[in-house]
Protein backbone atom coordinates (compact mmCIF):
# COMPACT_ATOMS: atom_id res chain seq x y z
CA MET A 1 -72.10 -65.90 -42.76
CA LYS A 2 -68.66 -66.20 -41.51
CA SER A 3 -68.86 -69.85 -40.32
CA ARG A 4 -70.67 -70.67 -44.60
CA ARG A 5 -67.57 -69.00 -45.83
CA ARG A 6 -64.47 -71.40 -44.82
CA PRO A 7 -66.62 -74.70 -45.96
CA LEU A 8 -67.48 -72.94 -49.27
CA THR A 9 -64.11 -71.54 -50.27
CA ALA A 10 -62.38 -75.01 -48.97
CA THR A 11 -65.07 -76.78 -50.96
CA ALA A 12 -64.39 -74.56 -54.18
CA LEU A 13 -60.70 -74.74 -54.24
CA THR A 14 -60.91 -78.49 -54.09
CA VAL A 15 -63.38 -78.87 -56.99
CA ARG A 16 -61.21 -76.59 -59.10
CA LEU A 17 -58.05 -78.21 -58.44
CA LEU A 18 -58.99 -81.84 -58.74
CA SER A 19 -61.51 -81.60 -61.54
CA LEU A 20 -59.00 -79.27 -63.76
CA GLY A 21 -55.43 -81.25 -62.77
CA PHE A 22 -52.77 -78.37 -62.85
CA ASP A 23 -49.29 -79.36 -63.01
CA ARG A 24 -47.71 -76.26 -61.43
CA TYR A 25 -49.02 -73.91 -58.88
CA ASP A 26 -48.40 -70.67 -61.20
CA GLN A 27 -50.93 -72.52 -63.92
CA PHE A 28 -53.28 -72.41 -60.87
CA VAL A 29 -52.35 -68.80 -59.82
CA ALA A 30 -53.28 -67.76 -63.56
CA TYR A 31 -56.46 -69.65 -63.49
CA ILE A 32 -57.60 -67.89 -60.18
CA GLY A 33 -56.62 -64.36 -62.28
CA LEU A 34 -53.97 -63.62 -59.34
CA ASP A 35 -50.79 -63.50 -61.74
CA LEU A 36 -49.00 -60.18 -62.74
CA ARG A 37 -49.63 -58.43 -65.72
CA VAL A 38 -46.75 -56.32 -66.91
CA CYS A 39 -46.90 -53.59 -69.45
CA GLU A 40 -43.18 -52.61 -70.14
CA SER A 41 -41.71 -51.49 -73.48
CA GLY A 42 -38.03 -50.73 -73.83
CA SER A 43 -37.45 -47.95 -71.16
CA PHE A 44 -40.85 -47.31 -70.32
CA ARG A 45 -41.97 -48.75 -67.07
CA GLY A 46 -45.65 -49.62 -66.71
CA HIS A 47 -47.31 -50.48 -63.79
CA ARG A 48 -47.93 -54.15 -62.69
CA LYS A 49 -51.45 -54.82 -62.24
CA LEU A 50 -53.51 -58.49 -61.50
CA SER A 51 -54.65 -60.11 -64.77
CA ARG A 52 -57.68 -60.62 -63.17
CA ARG A 53 -58.40 -63.42 -65.57
CA GLY A 54 -60.17 -66.53 -64.56
CA ASP A 55 -62.32 -67.47 -61.93
CA ALA A 56 -63.78 -64.32 -60.16
CA THR A 57 -65.50 -66.33 -57.70
CA LEU A 58 -63.01 -68.35 -56.49
CA ARG A 59 -60.71 -65.28 -56.59
CA TRP A 60 -63.36 -63.41 -54.36
CA LEU A 61 -63.15 -66.34 -51.79
CA LEU A 62 -59.24 -66.29 -51.68
CA TYR A 63 -59.23 -62.59 -51.02
CA LEU A 64 -61.93 -62.78 -48.31
CA ALA A 65 -59.81 -65.43 -46.43
CA ALA A 66 -56.81 -63.42 -47.19
CA ARG A 67 -58.44 -60.55 -45.29
CA ALA A 68 -59.40 -62.69 -42.53
CA ARG A 69 -56.10 -63.87 -42.10
CA CYS A 70 -54.43 -60.14 -42.25
CA ALA A 71 -56.96 -58.67 -39.63
CA ALA A 72 -55.90 -61.69 -37.25
CA LYS A 73 -53.81 -60.29 -34.41
CA ILE A 74 -51.00 -62.18 -33.75
CA GLY A 75 -51.42 -64.57 -30.77
CA PRO A 76 -48.85 -65.22 -28.19
CA SER A 77 -47.84 -68.70 -29.65
CA GLU A 78 -46.71 -66.91 -32.81
CA SER A 79 -44.83 -64.32 -31.00
CA ALA A 80 -43.25 -66.80 -28.78
CA MET A 81 -42.37 -69.34 -31.89
CA THR A 82 -40.40 -65.92 -33.13
CA GLY A 83 -38.78 -65.21 -29.61
CA SER A 84 -39.53 -61.93 -29.38
CA ALA A 85 -42.12 -59.43 -29.37
CA PRO A 86 -43.06 -58.80 -33.22
CA LYS A 87 -42.00 -55.78 -34.94
CA ALA A 88 -43.98 -52.97 -35.73
CA SER A 89 -44.25 -53.55 -39.98
CA PRO A 90 -47.21 -52.64 -41.92
CA PRO A 91 -49.87 -55.72 -42.47
CA PRO A 92 -48.81 -57.77 -45.33
CA ARG A 93 -51.30 -57.33 -48.54
CA PRO A 94 -54.15 -59.44 -49.22
CA VAL A 95 -53.66 -60.34 -52.86
CA ARG A 96 -49.90 -61.42 -51.54
CA VAL A 97 -51.62 -63.57 -48.68
CA ALA A 98 -54.43 -64.82 -51.28
CA ARG A 99 -51.46 -66.00 -53.66
CA LYS A 100 -49.60 -67.72 -51.11
CA LEU A 101 -52.92 -69.59 -50.03
CA ALA A 102 -53.82 -70.43 -53.61
CA LYS A 103 -50.03 -72.05 -53.63
CA VAL A 104 -50.42 -73.91 -50.02
CA ALA A 105 -53.74 -75.46 -51.76
CA TRP A 106 -52.30 -76.42 -55.02
CA SER A 107 -49.37 -78.13 -53.04
CA LEU A 108 -51.42 -80.06 -50.50
CA ALA A 109 -53.69 -81.03 -53.44
CA HIS A 110 -50.44 -82.15 -55.57
CA THR A 111 -48.96 -84.16 -52.98
CA GLY A 112 -51.79 -85.53 -51.35
CA GLU A 113 -49.95 -84.10 -47.98
CA CYS A 114 -52.26 -83.40 -44.75
CA TYR A 115 -52.67 -80.18 -43.78
CA ARG A 116 -50.26 -79.03 -40.98
CA ALA A 117 -51.44 -75.48 -39.15
CA ALA A 118 -47.95 -74.59 -37.80
CA ARG A 119 -46.13 -74.91 -41.16
CA VAL A 120 -48.58 -73.15 -43.60
CA SER A 121 -48.23 -70.36 -40.30
CA GLN A 122 -44.88 -70.06 -40.65
CA ALA A 123 -45.44 -69.84 -44.52
CA LEU A 124 -47.68 -66.88 -44.16
CA THR A 125 -45.90 -65.26 -41.46
CA PRO A 126 -42.60 -62.84 -42.87
CA ALA A 127 -39.36 -64.25 -41.41
CA ILE A 128 -38.12 -61.88 -38.96
CA GLY A 129 -34.19 -61.82 -39.42
CA PRO A 130 -31.43 -61.92 -36.58
C-alpha cells in the first residue's frame, strides 16, 4: 500500500495546483486547511488550531507524507552535510512538515522548476547553528 500513496499524493497535488491556479502559496495552504485559526481578543490569548477547512483528502495525503518524512532516520549523507553528528532534538511535527511540503509543491508548480531532492531536503531539515 505504501507504493500506491506516493503517486496518489503527487497526482492529487498536481491536479489541484494546475486546475485551480493559486497566485500565492498561502492561498493553497488555506485551501488545504493547513492554515492557523487564531481565537484572540484583547488580552485573551486563545489557542491556535488548524482551520481544517478545504480539501480533507489532500490534507490527509500530505499529512501521511509528512509522517513518513518525520519517521525517516537521518542517513549518513545528511549528517555529512551538517559537518557534525545530529543533535538530540525532538522530531519535527508532521503538520509543520505537511505545510512545508505544500509550500514546496506550490513553488514547483508556480515556477515550473524541476524537483531537486537536495534543495528540498535542506528546506525540510532545521538549520543547525554554529
